[in-house]
């Protein structure tokens, strides 16, 4: 077996082991858009900083984690998507991204 294959066979940590890693919340913001609630949290643990984006709809929760080293790239991609969306003609079901707070969305900053 090659050294590369042995690296892939490392034991995966259990959920409990992942949960035991000490994380510090640096900043949290909540956004309510229609029936969806988003929580954007900047955290830090011994491995580095990362952004957690959680979406809650009813009792269902989905989450993505973006490592701190990738946040500038993620932000750039998001900016490009917003620029592109703003150039598209409006649809009946879409609301403009600017002024979302005035059209059913609210933002709550939560310093940590």
N, C-alpha and C. Protein backbone atom coordinates (compact mmCIF):
# COMPACT_ATOMS: atom_id res chain seq x y z
N UNK A 1 0.84 -1.17 0.00
CA UNK A 1 0.00 0.00 0.00
C UNK A 1 0.89 1.24 0.00
N UNK A 2 0.58 2.20 -0.83
CA UNK A 2 1.39 3.41 -0.93
C UNK A 2 1.17 4.30 0.30
N UNK A 3 2.14 5.19 0.59
CA UNK A 3 1.98 6.10 1.73
C UNK A 3 0.73 6.97 1.60
N UNK A 4 0.37 7.28 0.37
CA UNK A 4 -0.81 8.11 0.16
C UNK A 4 -2.08 7.40 0.64
N UNK A 5 -2.16 6.10 0.35
CA UNK A 5 -3.33 5.35 0.78
C UNK A 5 -3.40 5.21 2.29
N UNK A 6 -2.25 5.10 2.95
CA UNK A 6 -2.28 4.97 4.41
C UNK A 6 -2.74 6.27 5.06
N UNK A 7 -2.45 7.40 4.44
CA UNK A 7 -2.93 8.67 4.97
C UNK A 7 -4.45 8.74 4.90
N UNK A 8 -5.02 8.21 3.86
CA UNK A 8 -6.47 8.25 3.70
C UNK A 8 -7.18 7.34 4.69
N UNK A 9 -6.47 6.34 5.20
CA UNK A 9 -7.09 5.37 6.08
C UNK A 9 -7.05 5.77 7.54
N UNK A 10 -6.66 7.00 7.83
CA UNK A 10 -6.67 7.44 9.22
C UNK A 10 -8.09 7.33 9.77
N UNK A 11 -8.16 6.99 11.03
CA UNK A 11 -9.46 6.83 11.67
C UNK A 11 -10.18 8.17 11.73
N UNK A 12 -11.43 8.18 11.32
CA UNK A 12 -12.23 9.39 11.41
C UNK A 12 -12.66 9.60 12.85
N UNK A 13 -12.66 10.84 13.26
CA UNK A 13 -13.09 11.14 14.63
C UNK A 13 -14.60 10.95 14.75
N UNK A 14 -15.01 10.51 15.90
CA UNK A 14 -16.44 10.32 16.16
C UNK A 14 -17.09 11.67 16.38
N UNK A 15 -18.41 11.70 16.35
CA UNK A 15 -19.13 12.95 16.62
C UNK A 15 -18.79 13.50 17.99
N UNK A 16 -18.70 12.62 18.95
CA UNK A 16 -18.39 13.06 20.31
C UNK A 16 -17.01 13.71 20.35
N UNK A 17 -16.03 13.12 19.66
CA UNK A 17 -14.68 13.70 19.64
C UNK A 17 -14.69 15.06 18.96
N UNK A 18 -15.45 15.20 17.87
CA UNK A 18 -15.53 16.49 17.19
C UNK A 18 -16.22 17.52 18.07
N UNK A 19 -17.21 17.08 18.82
CA UNK A 19 -17.96 17.97 19.69
C UNK A 19 -17.11 18.45 20.86
N UNK A 20 -16.13 17.65 21.28
CA UNK A 20 -15.30 17.99 22.43
C UNK A 20 -14.24 19.05 22.11
N UNK A 21 -14.04 19.39 20.84
CA UNK A 21 -13.08 20.43 20.47
C UNK A 21 -13.61 21.76 20.97
N UNK A 22 -12.79 22.49 21.69
CA UNK A 22 -13.20 23.78 22.25
C UNK A 22 -13.31 24.81 21.14
N UNK A 23 -14.49 25.40 20.99
CA UNK A 23 -14.73 26.44 20.00
C UNK A 23 -15.11 27.73 20.71
N UNK A 24 -14.60 28.83 20.19
CA UNK A 24 -14.95 30.13 20.73
C UNK A 24 -15.74 30.89 19.67
N UNK A 25 -16.89 31.42 20.05
CA UNK A 25 -17.70 32.23 19.15
C UNK A 25 -17.15 33.64 19.17
N UNK A 26 -16.76 34.15 17.99
CA UNK A 26 -16.20 35.49 17.89
C UNK A 26 -17.28 36.53 17.56
N UNK A 27 -18.23 36.15 16.69
CA UNK A 27 -19.30 37.08 16.30
C UNK A 27 -20.43 36.28 15.67
N UNK A 28 -21.66 36.70 15.94
CA UNK A 28 -22.83 36.03 15.38
C UNK A 28 -23.81 37.07 14.87
N UNK A 29 -24.41 36.80 13.71
CA UNK A 29 -25.49 37.62 13.18
C UNK A 29 -26.62 36.69 12.76
N UNK A 30 -27.85 37.13 12.99
CA UNK A 30 -29.03 36.38 12.57
C UNK A 30 -29.79 37.21 11.55
N UNK A 31 -30.31 36.51 10.54
CA UNK A 31 -31.09 37.15 9.50
C UNK A 31 -32.36 36.33 9.30
N UNK A 32 -33.51 37.00 9.27
CA UNK A 32 -34.79 36.33 9.02
C UNK A 32 -35.27 36.78 7.65
N UNK A 33 -35.44 35.84 6.73
CA UNK A 33 -35.94 36.14 5.38
C UNK A 33 -37.09 35.18 5.11
N UNK A 34 -38.28 35.76 4.97
CA UNK A 34 -39.50 34.97 4.80
C UNK A 34 -39.59 33.96 5.93
N UNK A 35 -39.72 32.67 5.63
CA UNK A 35 -39.85 31.65 6.68
C UNK A 35 -38.50 31.07 7.10
N UNK A 36 -37.43 31.55 6.51
CA UNK A 36 -36.11 31.00 6.80
C UNK A 36 -35.35 31.91 7.75
N UNK A 37 -34.62 31.27 8.63
CA UNK A 37 -33.76 31.98 9.56
C UNK A 37 -32.32 31.55 9.29
N UNK A 38 -31.43 32.52 9.17
CA UNK A 38 -30.02 32.24 8.93
C UNK A 38 -29.21 32.75 10.11
N UNK A 39 -28.27 31.93 10.54
CA UNK A 39 -27.35 32.34 11.60
C UNK A 39 -25.94 32.23 11.04
N UNK A 40 -25.24 33.35 11.03
CA UNK A 40 -23.88 33.40 10.49
C UNK A 40 -22.95 33.64 11.68
N UNK A 41 -22.07 32.69 11.94
CA UNK A 41 -21.23 32.75 13.13
C UNK A 41 -19.76 32.56 12.77
N UNK A 42 -18.94 33.49 13.21
CA UNK A 42 -17.49 33.36 13.07
C UNK A 42 -16.98 32.70 14.35
N UNK A 43 -16.30 31.57 14.19
CA UNK A 43 -15.81 30.81 15.34
C UNK A 43 -14.31 30.57 15.21
N UNK A 44 -13.73 30.12 16.32
CA UNK A 44 -12.31 29.79 16.33
C UNK A 44 -12.12 28.56 17.22
N UNK A 45 -11.25 27.66 16.76
CA UNK A 45 -10.86 26.51 17.58
C UNK A 45 -9.35 26.32 17.41
N UNK A 46 -8.74 25.33 18.03
CA UNK A 46 -7.29 25.16 17.91
C UNK A 46 -6.79 25.00 16.46
N UNK A 47 -7.66 24.59 15.56
CA UNK A 47 -7.25 24.42 14.16
C UNK A 47 -7.37 25.69 13.34
N UNK A 48 -8.02 26.75 13.88
CA UNK A 48 -8.12 28.01 13.16
C UNK A 48 -9.51 28.61 13.23
N UNK A 49 -9.71 29.67 12.44
CA UNK A 49 -11.00 30.36 12.38
C UNK A 49 -11.82 29.81 11.23
N UNK A 50 -13.14 29.88 11.39
CA UNK A 50 -14.03 29.39 10.35
C UNK A 50 -15.39 30.05 10.50
N UNK A 51 -16.15 30.05 9.41
CA UNK A 51 -17.47 30.63 9.38
C UNK A 51 -18.50 29.51 9.30
N UNK A 52 -19.49 29.56 10.17
CA UNK A 52 -20.61 28.61 10.13
C UNK A 52 -21.83 29.37 9.62
N UNK A 53 -22.47 28.83 8.61
CA UNK A 53 -23.72 29.40 8.12
C UNK A 53 -24.79 28.34 8.32
N UNK A 54 -25.76 28.64 9.19
CA UNK A 54 -26.83 27.69 9.49
C UNK A 54 -28.14 28.25 8.94
N UNK A 55 -28.91 27.38 8.30
CA UNK A 55 -30.23 27.73 7.79
C UNK A 55 -31.26 26.92 8.56
N UNK A 56 -32.24 27.59 9.12
CA UNK A 56 -33.30 26.91 9.86
C UNK A 56 -34.63 27.19 9.19
N UNK A 57 -35.34 26.11 8.88
CA UNK A 57 -36.69 26.20 8.34
C UNK A 57 -37.53 25.26 9.18
N UNK A 58 -38.40 25.82 10.00
CA UNK A 58 -39.17 24.99 10.92
C UNK A 58 -38.23 24.31 11.89
N UNK A 59 -38.31 23.00 11.97
CA UNK A 59 -37.42 22.26 12.88
C UNK A 59 -36.21 21.68 12.17
N UNK A 60 -36.06 21.98 10.87
CA UNK A 60 -34.95 21.45 10.08
C UNK A 60 -33.80 22.46 10.07
N UNK A 61 -32.58 21.98 10.26
CA UNK A 61 -31.40 22.86 10.28
C UNK A 61 -30.31 22.27 9.39
N UNK A 62 -29.81 23.08 8.46
CA UNK A 62 -28.67 22.72 7.62
C UNK A 62 -27.54 23.68 7.92
N UNK A 63 -26.31 23.19 7.79
CA UNK A 63 -25.16 24.02 8.13
C UNK A 63 -24.02 23.78 7.14
N UNK A 64 -23.33 24.86 6.80
CA UNK A 64 -22.09 24.74 6.04
C UNK A 64 -20.99 25.43 6.84
N UNK A 65 -19.78 24.91 6.70
CA UNK A 65 -18.61 25.45 7.39
C UNK A 65 -17.61 25.88 6.33
N UNK A 66 -17.11 27.11 6.44
CA UNK A 66 -16.12 27.63 5.50
C UNK A 66 -14.86 27.96 6.29
N UNK A 67 -13.74 27.31 5.99
CA UNK A 67 -12.49 27.61 6.69
C UNK A 67 -12.10 29.08 6.50
N UNK A 68 -11.49 29.66 7.51
CA UNK A 68 -11.08 31.06 7.45
C UNK A 68 -10.22 31.39 6.26
N UNK A 69 -9.35 30.46 5.86
CA UNK A 69 -8.46 30.73 4.72
C UNK A 69 -9.24 30.86 3.42
N UNK A 70 -10.47 30.39 3.37
CA UNK A 70 -11.26 30.45 2.15
C UNK A 70 -12.32 31.54 2.14
N UNK A 71 -12.38 32.35 3.20
CA UNK A 71 -13.45 33.34 3.30
C UNK A 71 -13.35 34.43 2.24
N UNK A 72 -12.15 34.88 1.89
CA UNK A 72 -12.03 35.90 0.84
C UNK A 72 -12.50 35.36 -0.49
N UNK A 73 -12.15 34.13 -0.81
CA UNK A 73 -12.60 33.51 -2.06
C UNK A 73 -14.12 33.34 -2.06
N UNK A 74 -14.67 32.90 -0.93
CA UNK A 74 -16.12 32.73 -0.80
C UNK A 74 -16.83 34.07 -0.96
N UNK A 75 -16.31 35.10 -0.31
CA UNK A 75 -16.89 36.44 -0.40
C UNK A 75 -16.86 36.96 -1.83
N UNK A 76 -15.76 36.72 -2.54
CA UNK A 76 -15.66 37.15 -3.93
C UNK A 76 -16.68 36.45 -4.81
N UNK A 77 -16.85 35.15 -4.62
CA UNK A 77 -17.83 34.40 -5.41
C UNK A 77 -19.24 34.90 -5.11
N UNK A 78 -19.53 35.17 -3.85
CA UNK A 78 -20.85 35.67 -3.48
C UNK A 78 -21.09 37.05 -4.09
N UNK A 79 -20.08 37.91 -4.07
CA UNK A 79 -20.20 39.24 -4.68
C UNK A 79 -20.46 39.14 -6.18
N UNK A 80 -19.76 38.22 -6.84
CA UNK A 80 -19.97 38.05 -8.28
C UNK A 80 -21.39 37.55 -8.57
N UNK A 81 -21.91 36.66 -7.73
CA UNK A 81 -23.28 36.18 -7.91
C UNK A 81 -24.29 37.31 -7.73
N UNK A 82 -24.07 38.16 -6.73
CA UNK A 82 -24.97 39.30 -6.51
C UNK A 82 -24.92 40.28 -7.67
N UNK A 83 -23.72 40.56 -8.17
CA UNK A 83 -23.59 41.44 -9.33
C UNK A 83 -24.37 40.88 -10.52
N UNK A 84 -24.20 39.59 -10.77
CA UNK A 84 -24.89 38.95 -11.89
C UNK A 84 -26.40 39.00 -11.68
N UNK A 85 -26.86 38.69 -10.47
CA UNK A 85 -28.30 38.70 -10.19
C UNK A 85 -28.89 40.09 -10.38
N UNK A 86 -28.15 41.12 -9.98
CA UNK A 86 -28.64 42.49 -10.13
C UNK A 86 -28.75 42.92 -11.59
N UNK A 87 -28.05 42.23 -12.49
CA UNK A 87 -28.12 42.55 -13.92
C UNK A 87 -29.27 41.84 -14.61
N UNK A 88 -29.83 40.82 -13.97
CA UNK A 88 -30.93 40.06 -14.56
C UNK A 88 -32.23 40.85 -14.45
N UNK A 89 -33.15 40.64 -15.40
CA UNK A 89 -34.45 41.30 -15.27
C UNK A 89 -35.21 40.72 -14.07
N UNK A 90 -36.00 41.53 -13.40
CA UNK A 90 -36.73 41.03 -12.23
C UNK A 90 -37.79 40.00 -12.64
N UNK A 91 -38.06 39.11 -11.72
CA UNK A 91 -39.13 38.13 -11.92
C UNK A 91 -40.23 38.45 -10.93
N UNK A 92 -41.40 37.87 -11.14
CA UNK A 92 -42.53 38.14 -10.24
C UNK A 92 -42.27 37.62 -8.84
N UNK A 93 -41.54 36.52 -8.72
CA UNK A 93 -41.35 35.91 -7.40
C UNK A 93 -40.10 36.40 -6.69
N UNK A 94 -39.26 37.19 -7.35
CA UNK A 94 -38.01 37.61 -6.71
C UNK A 94 -38.16 38.98 -6.09
N UNK A 95 -37.41 39.19 -5.03
CA UNK A 95 -37.33 40.50 -4.42
C UNK A 95 -35.89 40.97 -4.57
N UNK A 96 -35.67 42.25 -4.73
CA UNK A 96 -34.30 42.73 -4.91
C UNK A 96 -33.47 42.47 -3.67
N UNK A 97 -32.17 42.20 -3.85
CA UNK A 97 -31.30 41.91 -2.72
C UNK A 97 -31.10 43.11 -1.81
N UNK A 98 -31.19 44.33 -2.37
CA UNK A 98 -31.04 45.51 -1.52
C UNK A 98 -32.40 45.83 -0.93
N UNK A 99 -32.41 46.22 0.31
CA UNK A 99 -33.67 46.54 0.96
C UNK A 99 -34.45 45.33 1.41
N UNK A 100 -33.80 44.17 1.48
CA UNK A 100 -34.48 42.95 1.91
C UNK A 100 -35.05 43.15 3.31
N UNK A 101 -34.34 43.89 4.15
CA UNK A 101 -34.80 44.09 5.51
C UNK A 101 -36.15 44.82 5.53
N UNK A 102 -36.39 45.67 4.53
CA UNK A 102 -37.64 46.40 4.49
C UNK A 102 -38.76 45.59 3.84
N UNK A 103 -38.43 44.45 3.26
CA UNK A 103 -39.43 43.66 2.56
C UNK A 103 -39.52 42.26 3.14
N UNK A 104 -39.63 42.17 4.45
CA UNK A 104 -39.85 40.86 5.06
C UNK A 104 -38.63 40.26 5.72
N UNK A 105 -37.48 40.88 5.61
CA UNK A 105 -36.28 40.33 6.24
C UNK A 105 -35.84 41.23 7.38
N UNK A 106 -35.28 40.64 8.39
CA UNK A 106 -34.73 41.42 9.49
C UNK A 106 -33.34 40.93 9.80
N UNK A 107 -32.54 41.79 10.34
CA UNK A 107 -31.18 41.43 10.71
C UNK A 107 -30.97 41.76 12.17
N UNK A 108 -30.35 40.85 12.87
CA UNK A 108 -30.05 41.06 14.28
C UNK A 108 -28.58 40.80 14.51
N UNK A 109 -27.84 41.79 14.92
CA UNK A 109 -26.43 41.61 15.25
C UNK A 109 -26.33 41.15 16.69
N UNK A 110 -25.48 40.17 16.91
CA UNK A 110 -25.26 39.67 18.26
C UNK A 110 -23.77 39.64 18.54
N UNK A 111 -23.24 40.67 19.20
CA UNK A 111 -21.81 40.61 19.52
C UNK A 111 -21.56 39.52 20.53
N UNK A 112 -20.41 38.91 20.41
CA UNK A 112 -20.07 37.83 21.34
C UNK A 112 -18.88 38.20 22.18
